[in-house]
Amino acid sequence: MAQSGFVKVADVGELAAGDVKVVEVGSDQILLVNVDGTIYALDDICSHAYASLSEGDLAGEEIECPLHGSAFNVITGEALTPPADENIRTFEVRIDGQDVLLGPAKS
């Protein structure tokens, strides 16, 4: 059962360690990332140019934009390398049984 303010976006079994998955919530494309068994959620679109981060390379806690190579921390949303200089939003994630629940953007 979804918790207040949270919506089910995936099943835990859909994301093995090192996997990424894009889900749509309203008009937002959200990237789910499994880092060592913990699922994180962040905007899928690079803050520098319109490119899907899900098509980039994931290395540990960093994902690289496939367009210009900017790297972002998937836990904090921090832009780590140019040309991106703006962080991206991250979202609260809860696990309820086998359900991956997405909550509001973190502040």
PDB file of N, CA and C in Angstrom:
ATOM      1  N   MET A   1       0.841  -1.176   0.000  1.00  0.00           N
ATOM      2  CA  MET A   1       0.000   0.000   0.000  1.00  0.00           C
ATOM      3  C   MET A   1       0.891   1.246   0.000  1.00  0.00           C
ATOM      4  N   ALA A   2       0.601   2.190  -0.887  1.00  0.00           N
ATOM      5  CA  ALA A   2       1.399   3.418  -0.976  1.00  0.00           C
ATOM      6  C   ALA A   2       1.225   4.253   0.283  1.00  0.00           C
ATOM      7  N   GLN A   3       2.310   4.868   0.699  1.00  0.00           N
ATOM      8  CA  GLN A   3       2.283   5.730   1.867  1.00  0.00           C
ATOM      9  C   GLN A   3       1.877   7.133   1.425  1.00  0.00           C
ATOM     10  N   SER A   4       1.328   7.905   2.324  1.00  0.00           N
ATOM     11  CA  SER A   4       0.849   9.241   1.999  1.00  0.00           C
ATOM     12  C   SER A   4       1.956  10.087   1.366  1.00  0.00           C
ATOM     13  N   GLY A   5       1.666  10.658   0.199  1.00  0.00           N
ATOM     14  CA  GLY A   5       2.639  11.473  -0.502  1.00  0.00           C
ATOM     15  C   GLY A   5       3.603  10.681  -1.363  1.00  0.00           C
ATOM     16  N   PHE A   6       3.491   9.369  -1.350  1.00  0.00           N
ATOM     17  CA  PHE A   6       4.374   8.503  -2.124  1.00  0.00           C
ATOM     18  C   PHE A   6       3.552   7.717  -3.141  1.00  0.00           C
ATOM     19  N   VAL A   7       4.163   7.432  -4.276  1.00  0.00           N
ATOM     20  CA  VAL A   7       3.498   6.677  -5.328  1.00  0.00           C
ATOM     21  C   VAL A   7       4.393   5.506  -5.743  1.00  0.00           C
ATOM     22  N   LYS A   8       3.772   4.358  -5.987  1.00  0.00           N
ATOM     23  CA  LYS A   8       4.539   3.191  -6.433  1.00  0.00           C
ATOM     24  C   LYS A   8       5.006   3.427  -7.864  1.00  0.00           C
ATOM     25  N   VAL A   9       6.317   3.225  -8.092  1.00  0.00           N
ATOM     26  CA  VAL A   9       6.875   3.434  -9.423  1.00  0.00           C
ATOM     27  C   VAL A   9       7.560   2.200  -9.995  1.00  0.00           C
ATOM     28  N   ALA A  10       7.812   1.199  -9.161  1.00  0.00           N
ATOM     29  CA  ALA A  10       8.502  -0.005  -9.635  1.00  0.00           C
ATOM     30  C   ALA A  10       8.425  -1.081  -8.564  1.00  0.00           C
ATOM     31  N   ASP A  11       8.869  -2.270  -8.930  1.00  0.00           N
ATOM     32  CA  ASP A  11       9.060  -3.363  -7.990  1.00  0.00           C
ATOM     33  C   ASP A  11      10.558  -3.480  -7.714  1.00  0.00           C
ATOM     34  N   VAL A  12      10.909  -3.828  -6.501  1.00  0.00           N
ATOM     35  CA  VAL A  12      12.317  -3.963  -6.116  1.00  0.00           C
ATOM     36  C   VAL A  12      13.057  -4.898  -7.075  1.00  0.00           C
ATOM     37  N   GLY A  13      12.408  -5.972  -7.494  1.00  0.00           N
ATOM     38  CA  GLY A  13      13.038  -6.953  -8.373  1.00  0.00           C
ATOM     39  C   GLY A  13      13.402  -6.430  -9.751  1.00  0.00           C
ATOM     40  N   GLU A  14      12.895  -5.258 -10.111  1.00  0.00           N
ATOM     41  CA  GLU A  14      13.203  -4.681 -11.420  1.00  0.00           C
ATOM     42  C   GLU A  14      14.567  -3.995 -11.454  1.00  0.00           C
ATOM     43  N   LEU A  15      15.188  -3.809 -10.291  1.00  0.00           N
ATOM     44  CA  LEU A  15      16.440  -3.052 -10.213  1.00  0.00           C
ATOM     45  C   LEU A  15      17.492  -3.810  -9.421  1.00  0.00           C
ATOM     46  N   ALA A  16      18.308  -4.583 -10.105  1.00  0.00           N
ATOM     47  CA  ALA A  16      19.435  -5.239  -9.451  1.00  0.00           C
ATOM     48  C   ALA A  16      20.524  -4.202  -9.202  1.00  0.00           C
ATOM     49  N   ALA A  17      21.459  -4.502  -8.336  1.00  0.00           N
ATOM     50  CA  ALA A  17      22.570  -3.579  -8.063  1.00  0.00           C
ATOM     51  C   ALA A  17      23.243  -3.189  -9.373  1.00  0.00           C
ATOM     52  N   GLY A  18      23.424  -1.877  -9.566  1.00  0.00           N
ATOM     53  CA  GLY A  18      24.047  -1.363 -10.781  1.00  0.00           C
ATOM     54  C   GLY A  18      23.071  -1.055 -11.905  1.00  0.00           C
ATOM     55  N   ASP A  19      21.791  -1.360 -11.705  1.00  0.00           N
ATOM     56  CA  ASP A  19      20.774  -1.111 -12.734  1.00  0.00           C
ATOM     57  C   ASP A  19      20.190   0.286 -12.607  1.00  0.00           C
ATOM     58  N   VAL A  20      19.683   0.781 -13.731  1.00  0.00           N
ATOM     59  CA  VAL A  20      18.945   2.039 -13.771  1.00  0.00           C
ATOM     60  C   VAL A  20      17.616   1.788 -14.473  1.00  0.00           C
ATOM     61  N   LYS A  21      16.612   2.606 -14.137  1.00  0.00           N
ATOM     62  CA  LYS A  21      15.299   2.479 -14.762  1.00  0.00           C
ATOM     63  C   LYS A  21      14.657   3.862 -14.759  1.00  0.00           C
ATOM     64  N   VAL A  22      14.072   4.248 -15.883  1.00  0.00           N
ATOM     65  CA  VAL A  22      13.360   5.517 -15.975  1.00  0.00           C
ATOM     66  C   VAL A  22      11.876   5.263 -15.760  1.00  0.00           C
ATOM     67  N   VAL A  23      11.273   6.107 -14.926  1.00  0.00           N
ATOM     68  CA  VAL A  23       9.831   6.048 -14.702  1.00  0.00           C
ATOM     69  C   VAL A  23       9.268   7.447 -14.939  1.00  0.00           C
ATOM     70  N   GLU A  24       8.011   7.506 -15.331  1.00  0.00           N
ATOM     71  CA  GLU A  24       7.359   8.796 -15.516  1.00  0.00           C
ATOM     72  C   GLU A  24       6.360   9.003 -14.401  1.00  0.00           C
ATOM     73  N   VAL A  25       6.467  10.149 -13.770  1.00  0.00           N
ATOM     74  CA  VAL A  25       5.543  10.531 -12.707  1.00  0.00           C
ATOM     75  C   VAL A  25       5.007  11.904 -13.107  1.00  0.00           C
ATOM     76  N   GLY A  26       3.757  11.944 -13.514  1.00  0.00           N
ATOM     77  CA  GLY A  26       3.218  13.180 -14.065  1.00  0.00           C
ATOM     78  C   GLY A  26       3.980  13.505 -15.334  1.00  0.00           C
ATOM     79  N   SER A  27       4.523  14.705 -15.408  1.00  0.00           N
ATOM     80  CA  SER A  27       5.300  15.102 -16.586  1.00  0.00           C
ATOM     81  C   SER A  27       6.804  14.944 -16.367  1.00  0.00           C
ATOM     82  N   ASP A  28       7.202  14.383 -15.220  1.00  0.00           N
ATOM     83  CA  ASP A  28       8.618  14.239 -14.890  1.00  0.00           C
ATOM     84  C   ASP A  28       9.158  12.870 -15.277  1.00  0.00           C
ATOM     85  N   GLN A  29      10.377  12.858 -15.837  1.00  0.00           N
ATOM     86  CA  GLN A  29      11.103  11.624 -16.070  1.00  0.00           C
ATOM     87  C   GLN A  29      12.061  11.470 -14.895  1.00  0.00           C
ATOM     88  N   ILE A  30      11.875  10.391 -14.139  1.00  0.00           N
ATOM     89  CA  ILE A  30      12.666  10.151 -12.931  1.00  0.00           C
ATOM     90  C   ILE A  30      13.528   8.914 -13.152  1.00  0.00           C
ATOM     91  N   LEU A  31      14.780   9.036 -12.772  1.00  0.00           N
ATOM     92  CA  LEU A  31      15.728   7.942 -12.898  1.00  0.00           C
ATOM     93  C   LEU A  31      15.859   7.228 -11.559  1.00  0.00           C
ATOM     94  N   LEU A  32      15.590   5.932 -11.557  1.00  0.00           N
ATOM     95  CA  LEU A  32      15.828   5.093 -10.387  1.00  0.00           C
ATOM     96  C   LEU A  32      17.169   4.406 -10.585  1.00  0.00           C
ATOM     97  N   VAL A  33      17.986   4.395  -9.540  1.00  0.00           N
ATOM     98  CA  VAL A  33      19.327   3.822  -9.616  1.00  0.00           C
ATOM     99  C   VAL A  33      19.548   2.944  -8.394  1.00  0.00           C
ATOM    100  N   ASN A  34      20.052   1.733  -8.610  1.00  0.00           N
ATOM    101  CA  ASN A  34      20.366   0.837  -7.510  1.00  0.00           C
ATOM    102  C   ASN A  34      21.887   0.857  -7.306  1.00  0.00           C
ATOM    103  N   VAL A  35      22.306   1.438  -6.178  1.00  0.00           N
ATOM    104  CA  VAL A  35      23.725   1.481  -5.822  1.00  0.00           C
ATOM    105  C   VAL A  35      23.923   0.562  -4.627  1.00  0.00           C
ATOM    106  N   ASP A  36      24.557  -0.558  -4.866  1.00  0.00           N
ATOM    107  CA  ASP A  36      24.866  -1.521  -3.805  1.00  0.00           C
ATOM    108  C   ASP A  36      23.632  -1.910  -2.990  1.00  0.00           C
ATOM    109  N   GLY A  37      22.497  -2.087  -3.655  1.00  0.00           N
ATOM    110  CA  GLY A  37      21.290  -2.545  -2.986  1.00  0.00           C
ATOM    111  C   GLY A  37      20.392  -1.448  -2.453  1.00  0.00           C
ATOM    112  N   THR A  38      20.799  -0.187  -2.555  1.00  0.00           N
ATOM    113  CA  THR A  38      19.974   0.936  -2.140  1.00  0.00           C
ATOM    114  C   THR A  38      19.486   1.670  -3.377  1.00  0.00           C
ATOM    115  N   ILE A  39      18.187   1.934  -3.434  1.00  0.00           N
ATOM    116  CA  ILE A  39      17.604   2.594  -4.607  1.00  0.00           C
ATOM    117  C   ILE A  39      17.475   4.088  -4.342  1.00  0.00           C
ATOM    118  N   TYR A  40      17.963   4.867  -5.301  1.00  0.00           N
ATOM    119  CA  TYR A  40      17.904   6.320  -5.262  1.00  0.00           C
ATOM    120  C   TYR A  40      17.097   6.804  -6.465  1.00  0.00           C
ATOM    121  N   ALA A  41      16.575   8.022  -6.357  1.00  0.00           N
ATOM    122  CA  ALA A  41      15.799   8.605  -7.450  1.00  0.00           C
ATOM    123  C   ALA A  41      16.263  10.037  -7.692  1.00  0.00           C
ATOM    124  N   LEU A  42      16.392  10.397  -8.958  1.00  0.00           N
ATOM    125  CA  LEU A  42      16.801  11.732  -9.351  1.00  0.00           C
ATOM    126  C   LEU A  42      16.224  12.051 -10.724  1.00  0.00           C
ATOM    127  N   ASP A  43      16.284  13.327 -11.099  1.00  0.00           N
ATOM    128  CA  ASP A  43      15.834  13.694 -12.437  1.00  0.00           C
ATOM    129  C   ASP A  43      16.636  12.921 -13.462  1.00  0.00           C
ATOM    130  N   ASP A  44      15.967  12.471 -14.518  1.00  0.00           N
ATOM    131  CA  ASP A  44      16.656  11.751 -15.586  1.00  0.00           C
ATOM    132  C   ASP A  44      17.281  12.696 -16.592  1.00  0.00           C
ATOM    133  N   ILE A  45      16.869  13.947 -16.600  1.00  0.00           N
ATOM    134  CA  ILE A  45      17.339  14.886 -17.617  1.00  0.00           C
ATOM    135  C   ILE A  45      18.498  15.722 -17.069  1.00  0.00           C
ATOM    136  N   CYS A  46      19.586  15.761 -17.824  1.00  0.00           N
ATOM    137  CA  CYS A  46      20.779  16.528 -17.462  1.00  0.00           C
ATOM    138  C   CYS A  46      20.424  18.003 -17.313  1.00  0.00           C
ATOM    139  N   SER A  47      21.046  18.676 -16.349  1.00  0.00           N
ATOM    140  CA  SER A  47      20.781  20.095 -16.119  1.00  0.00           C
ATOM    141  C   SER A  47      21.492  20.992 -17.132  1.00  0.00           C
ATOM    142  N   HIS A  48      22.398  20.441 -17.905  1.00  0.00           N
ATOM    143  CA  HIS A  48      23.144  21.236 -18.887  1.00  0.00           C
ATOM    144  C   HIS A  48      22.441  21.283 -20.237  1.00  0.00           C
ATOM    145  N   ALA A  49      22.026  20.148 -20.715  1.00  0.00           N
ATOM    146  CA  ALA A  49      21.363  20.049 -22.016  1.00  0.00           C
ATOM    147  C   ALA A  49      20.385  18.885 -21.944  1.00  0.00           C
ATOM    148  N   TYR A  50      19.374  18.916 -22.782  1.00  0.00           N
ATOM    149  CA  TYR A  50      18.340  17.891 -22.713  1.00  0.00           C
ATOM    150  C   TYR A  50      18.895  16.551 -23.179  1.00  0.00           C
ATOM    151  N   ALA A  51      19.302  15.748 -22.213  1.00  0.00           N
ATOM    152  CA  ALA A  51      19.814  14.408 -22.486  1.00  0.00           C
ATOM    153  C   ALA A  51      19.392  13.509 -21.337  1.00  0.00           C
ATOM    154  N   SER A  52      19.082  12.262 -21.663  1.00  0.00           N
ATOM    155  CA  SER A  52      18.632  11.293 -20.670  1.00  0.00           C
ATOM    156  C   SER A  52      19.827  10.652 -19.983  1.00  0.00           C
ATOM    157  N   LEU A  53      19.943  10.898 -18.676  1.00  0.00           N
ATOM    158  CA  LEU A  53      21.057  10.322 -17.916  1.00  0.00           C
ATOM    159  C   LEU A  53      21.011   8.801 -17.906  1.00  0.00           C
ATOM    160  N   SER A  54      19.827   8.229 -18.076  1.00  0.00           N
ATOM    161  CA  SER A  54      19.705   6.766 -18.073  1.00  0.00           C
ATOM    162  C   SER A  54      20.489   6.132 -19.218  1.00  0.00           C
ATOM    163  N   GLU A  55      20.827   6.920 -20.223  1.00  0.00           N
ATOM    164  CA  GLU A  55      21.599   6.402 -21.354  1.00  0.00           C
ATOM    165  C   GLU A  55      23.100   6.553 -21.120  1.00  0.00           C
ATOM    166  N   GLY A  56      23.466   7.142 -19.980  1.00  0.00           N
ATOM    167  CA  GLY A  56      24.878   7.327 -19.642  1.00  0.00           C
ATOM    168  C   GLY A  56      25.420   6.157 -18.845  1.00  0.00           C
ATOM    169  N   ASP A  57      26.665   6.282 -18.457  1.00  0.00           N
ATOM    170  CA  ASP A  57      27.341   5.224 -17.708  1.00  0.00           C
ATOM    171  C   ASP A  57      27.238   5.475 -16.208  1.00  0.00           C
ATOM    172  N   LEU A  58      26.899   4.423 -15.471  1.00  0.00           N
ATOM    173  CA  LEU A  58      26.840   4.464 -14.014  1.00  0.00           C
ATOM    174  C   LEU A  58      28.103   3.818 -13.468  1.00  0.00           C
ATOM    175  N   ALA A  59      28.798   4.542 -12.586  1.00  0.00           N
ATOM    176  CA  ALA A  59      29.990   4.013 -11.927  1.00  0.00           C
ATOM    177  C   ALA A  59      29.874   4.349 -10.452  1.00  0.00           C
ATOM    178  N   GLY A  60      29.497   3.375  -9.651  1.00  0.00           N
ATOM    179  CA  GLY A  60      29.311   3.614  -8.229  1.00  0.00           C
ATOM    180  C   GLY A  60      28.176   4.587  -8.001  1.00  0.00           C
ATOM    181  N   GLU A  61      28.487   5.727  -7.365  1.00  0.00           N
ATOM    182  CA  GLU A  61      27.475   6.739  -7.052  1.00  0.00           C
ATOM    183  C   GLU A  61      27.413   7.842  -8.103  1.00  0.00           C
ATOM    184  N   GLU A  62      28.112   7.673  -9.230  1.00  0.00           N
ATOM    185  CA  GLU A  62      28.136   8.706 -10.259  1.00  0.00           C
ATOM    186  C   GLU A  62      27.541   8.194 -11.563  1.00  0.00           C
ATOM    187  N   ILE A  63      26.774   9.084 -12.218  1.00  0.00           N
ATOM    188  CA  ILE A  63      26.263   8.771 -13.543  1.00  0.00           C
ATOM    189  C   ILE A  63      26.730   9.864 -14.485  1.00  0.00           C
ATOM    190  N   GLU A  64      27.134   9.450 -15.675  1.00  0.00           N
ATOM    191  CA  GLU A  64      27.672  10.390 -16.653  1.00  0.00           C
ATOM    192  C   GLU A  64      26.659  10.645 -17.753  1.00  0.00           C
ATOM    193  N   CYS A  65      26.480  11.912 -18.082  1.00  0.00           N
ATOM    194  CA  CYS A  65      25.584  12.297 -19.162  1.00  0.00           C
ATOM    195  C   CYS A  65      26.175  11.804 -20.486  1.00  0.00           C
ATOM    196  N   PRO A  66      25.363  11.154 -21.324  1.00  0.00           N
ATOM    197  CA  PRO A  66      25.878  10.631 -22.590  1.00  0.00           C
ATOM    198  C   PRO A  66      26.161  11.720 -23.630  1.00  0.00           C
ATOM    199  N   LEU A  67      25.644  12.924 -23.425  1.00  0.00           N
ATOM    200  CA  LEU A  67      25.783  13.975 -24.431  1.00  0.00           C
ATOM    201  C   LEU A  67      27.110  14.723 -24.319  1.00  0.00           C
ATOM    202  N   HIS A  68      27.407  15.276 -23.155  1.00  0.00           N
ATOM    203  CA  HIS A  68      28.631  16.061 -22.993  1.00  0.00           C
ATOM    204  C   HIS A  68      29.540  15.564 -21.881  1.00  0.00           C
ATOM    205  N   GLY A  69      29.178  14.474 -21.214  1.00  0.00           N
ATOM    206  CA  GLY A  69      30.074  13.866 -20.231  1.00  0.00           C
ATOM    207  C   GLY A  69      30.014  14.414 -18.819  1.00  0.00           C
ATOM    208  N   SER A  70      29.065  15.305 -18.531  1.00  0.00           N
ATOM    209  CA  SER A  70      28.937  15.780 -17.150  1.00  0.00           C
ATOM    210  C   SER A  70      28.604  14.610 -16.239  1.00  0.00           C
ATOM    211  N   ALA A  71      29.151  14.628 -15.042  1.00  0.00           N
ATOM    212  CA  ALA A  71      28.869  13.574 -14.071  1.00  0.00           C
ATOM    213  C   ALA A  71      28.052  14.155 -12.927  1.00  0.00           C
ATOM    214  N   PHE A  72      27.131  13.334 -12.410  1.00  0.00           N
ATOM    215  CA  PHE A  72      26.275  13.717 -11.292  1.00  0.00           C
ATOM    216  C   PHE A  72      26.341  12.652 -10.216  1.00  0.00           C
ATOM    217  N   ASN A  73      26.288  13.073  -8.962  1.00  0.00           N
ATOM    218  CA  ASN A  73      26.176  12.136  -7.858  1.00  0.00           C
ATOM    219  C   ASN A  73      24.710  11.712  -7.780  1.00  0.00           C
ATOM    220  N   VAL A  74      24.433  10.417  -7.836  1.00  0.00           N
ATOM    221  CA  VAL A  74      23.039   9.943  -7.865  1.00  0.00           C
ATOM    222  C   VAL A  74      22.359  10.043  -6.508  1.00  0.00           C
ATOM    223  N   ILE A  75      23.124  10.207  -5.446  1.00  0.00           N
ATOM    224  CA  ILE A  75      22.543  10.314  -4.108  1.00  0.00           C
ATOM    225  C   ILE A  75      22.163  11.757  -3.797  1.00  0.00           C
ATOM    226  N   THR A  76      23.043  12.693  -4.153  1.00  0.00           N
ATOM    227  CA  THR A  76      22.820  14.098  -3.814  1.00  0.00           C
ATOM    228  C   THR A  76      22.322  14.948  -4.980  1.00  0.00           C
ATOM    229  N   GLY A  77      22.493  14.467  -6.217  1.00  0.00           N
ATOM    230  CA  GLY A  77      22.131  15.241  -7.394  1.00  0.00           C
ATOM    231  C   GLY A  77      23.174  16.278  -7.778  1.00  0.00           C
ATOM    232  N   GLU A  78      24.282  16.317  -7.049  1.00  0.00           N
ATOM    233  CA  GLU A  78      25.316  17.318  -7.281  1.00  0.00           C
ATOM    234  C   GLU A  78      25.977  17.132  -8.650  1.00  0.00           C
ATOM    235  N   ALA A  79      26.109  18.254  -9.392  1.00  0.00           N
ATOM    236  CA  ALA A  79      26.866  18.258 -10.640  1.00  0.00           C
ATOM    237  C   ALA A  79      28.348  18.202 -10.280  1.00  0.00           C
ATOM    238  N   LEU A  80      29.034  17.171 -10.734  1.00  0.00           N
ATOM    239  CA  LEU A  80      30.416  16.950 -10.327  1.00  0.00           C
ATOM    240  C   LEU A  80      31.437  17.453 -11.334  1.00  0.00           C
ATOM    241  N   THR A  81      31.065  17.468 -12.621  1.00  0.00           N
ATOM    242  CA  THR A  81      32.007  17.897 -13.655  1.00  0.00           C
ATOM    243  C   THR A  81      31.298  18.761 -14.689  1.00  0.00           C
ATOM    244  N   PRO A  82      32.044  19.694 -15.303  1.00  0.00           N
ATOM    245  CA  PRO A  82      31.464  20.515 -16.356  1.00  0.00           C
ATOM    246  C   PRO A  82      31.168  19.657 -17.597  1.00  0.00           C
ATOM    247  N   PRO A  83      30.336  20.125 -18.499  1.00  0.00           N
ATOM    248  CA  PRO A  83      29.838  21.488 -18.549  1.00  0.00           C
ATOM    249  C   PRO A  83      28.633  21.764 -17.639  1.00  0.00           C
ATOM    250  N   ALA A  84      28.044  20.757 -17.034  1.00  0.00           N
ATOM    251  CA  ALA A  84      26.911  21.007 -16.123  1.00  0.00           C
ATOM    252  C   ALA A  84      27.421  21.738 -14.883  1.00  0.00           C
ATOM    253  N   ASP A  85      26.702  22.789 -14.503  1.00  0.00           N
ATOM    254  CA  ASP A  85      27.064  23.499 -13.282  1.00  0.00           C
ATOM    255  C   ASP A  85      25.868  23.663 -12.352  1.00  0.00           C
ATOM    256  N   GLU A  86      24.746  23.050 -12.723  1.00  0.00           N
ATOM    257  CA  GLU A  86      23.561  23.064 -11.869  1.00  0.00           C
ATOM    258  C   GLU A  86      23.259  21.645 -11.401  1.00  0.00           C
ATOM    259  N   ASN A  87      22.969  21.516 -10.113  1.00  0.00           N
ATOM    260  CA  ASN A  87      22.584  20.223  -9.564  1.00  0.00           C
ATOM    261  C   ASN A  87      21.219  19.823 -10.114  1.00  0.00           C
ATOM    262  N   ILE A  88      20.892  18.542  -9.995  1.00  0.00           N
ATOM    263  CA  ILE A  88      19.573  18.062 -10.378  1.00  0.00           C
ATOM    264  C   ILE A  88      18.834  17.598  -9.131  1.00  0.00           C
ATOM    265  N   ARG A  89      17.512  17.565  -9.234  1.00  0.00           N
ATOM    266  CA  ARG A  89      16.696  17.183  -8.079  1.00  0.00           C
ATOM    267  C   ARG A  89      16.862  15.704  -7.750  1.00  0.00           C
ATOM    268  N   THR A  90      16.797  15.427  -6.470  1.00  0.00           N
ATOM    269  CA  THR A  90      16.713  14.055  -5.991  1.00  0.00           C
ATOM    270  C   THR A  90      15.382  13.920  -5.261  1.00  0.00           C
ATOM    271  N   PHE A  91      14.925  12.689  -5.109  1.00  0.00           N
ATOM    272  CA  PHE A  91      13.616  12.423  -4.540  1.00  0.00           C
ATOM    273  C   PHE A  91      13.715  11.404  -3.408  1.00  0.00           C
ATOM    274  N   GLU A  92      12.769  11.478  -2.495  1.00  0.00           N
ATOM    275  CA  GLU A  92      12.713  10.499  -1.426  1.00  0.00           C
ATOM    276  C   GLU A  92      12.241   9.164  -2.005  1.00  0.00           C
ATOM    277  N   VAL A  93      12.854   8.092  -1.531  1.00  0.00           N
ATOM    278  CA  VAL A  93      12.485   6.739  -1.941  1.00  0.00           C
ATOM    279  C   VAL A  93      12.235   5.922  -0.686  1.00  0.00           C
ATOM    280  N   ARG A  94      11.156   5.174  -0.700  1.00  0.00           N
ATOM    281  CA  ARG A  94      10.871   4.222   0.370  1.00  0.00           C
ATOM    282  C   ARG A  94      10.573   2.876  -0.254  1.00  0.00           C
ATOM    283  N   ILE A  95      10.908   1.841   0.472  1.00  0.00           N
ATOM    284  CA  ILE A  95      10.605   0.485   0.051  1.00  0.00           C
ATOM    285  C   ILE A  95       9.535  -0.057   0.993  1.00  0.00           C
ATOM    286  N   ASP A  96       8.457  -0.556   0.415  1.00  0.00           N
ATOM    287  CA  ASP A  96       7.359  -1.138   1.190  1.00  0.00           C
ATOM    288  C   ASP A  96       7.106  -2.532   0.628  1.00  0.00           C
ATOM    289  N   GLY A  97       7.645  -3.541   1.312  1.00  0.00           N
ATOM    290  CA  GLY A  97       7.565  -4.891   0.771  1.00  0.00           C
ATOM    291  C   GLY A  97       8.409  -4.967  -0.493  1.00  0.00           C
ATOM    292  N   GLN A  98       7.757  -5.229  -1.619  1.00  0.00           N
ATOM    293  CA  GLN A  98       8.457  -5.266  -2.918  1.00  0.00           C
ATOM    294  C   GLN A  98       8.222  -3.996  -3.729  1.00  0.00           C
ATOM    295  N   ASP A  99       7.497  -3.030  -3.165  1.00  0.00           N
ATOM    296  CA  ASP A  99       7.171  -1.809  -3.901  1.00  0.00           C
ATOM    297  C   ASP A  99       8.245  -0.737  -3.681  1.00  0.00           C
ATOM    298  N   VAL A 100       8.656  -0.105  -4.793  1.00  0.00           N
ATOM    299  CA  VAL A 100       9.512   1.070  -4.726  1.00  0.00           C
ATOM    300  C   VAL A 100       8.573   2.270  -4.790  1.00  0.00           C
ATOM    301  N   LEU A 101       8.599   3.074  -3.729  1.00  0.00           N
ATOM    302  CA  LEU A 101       7.716   4.232  -3.627  1.00  0.00           C
ATOM    303  C   LEU A 101       8.530   5.510  -3.800  1.00  0.00           C
ATOM    304  N   LEU A 102       8.032   6.408  -4.636  1.00  0.00           N
ATOM    305  CA  LEU A 102       8.683   7.678  -4.884  1.00  0.00           C
ATOM    306  C   LEU A 102       7.929   8.778  -4.171  1.00  0.00           C
ATOM    307  N   GLY A 103       8.671   9.590  -3.446  1.00  0.00           N
ATOM    308  CA  GLY A 103       8.079  10.696  -2.708  1.00  0.00           C
ATOM    309  C   GLY A 103       8.473  12.026  -3.306  1.00  0.00           C
ATOM    310  N   PRO A 104       8.307  13.077  -2.541  1.00  0.00           N
ATOM    311  CA  PRO A 104       8.594  14.423  -3.040  1.00  0.00           C
ATOM    312  C   PRO A 104      10.092  14.662  -3.237  1.00  0.00           C
ATOM    313  N   ALA A 105      10.378  15.703  -4.008  1.00  0.00           N
ATOM    314  CA  ALA A 105      11.776  16.115  -4.199  1.00  0.00           C
ATOM    315  C   ALA A 105      12.347  16.534  -2.846  1.00  0.00           C
ATOM    316  N   LYS A 106      13.603  16.227  -2.631  1.00  0.00           N
ATOM    317  CA  LYS A 106      14.278  16.642  -1.403  1.00  0.00           C
ATOM    318  C   LYS A 106      14.626  18.115  -1.528  1.00  0.00           C
ATOM    319  N   SER A 107      14.686  18.797  -0.383  1.00  0.00           N
ATOM    320  CA  SER A 107      15.045  20.219  -0.436  1.00  0.00           C
ATOM    321  C   SER A 107      16.502  20.428  -0.145  1.00  0.00           C
TER     322      SER A 107
END
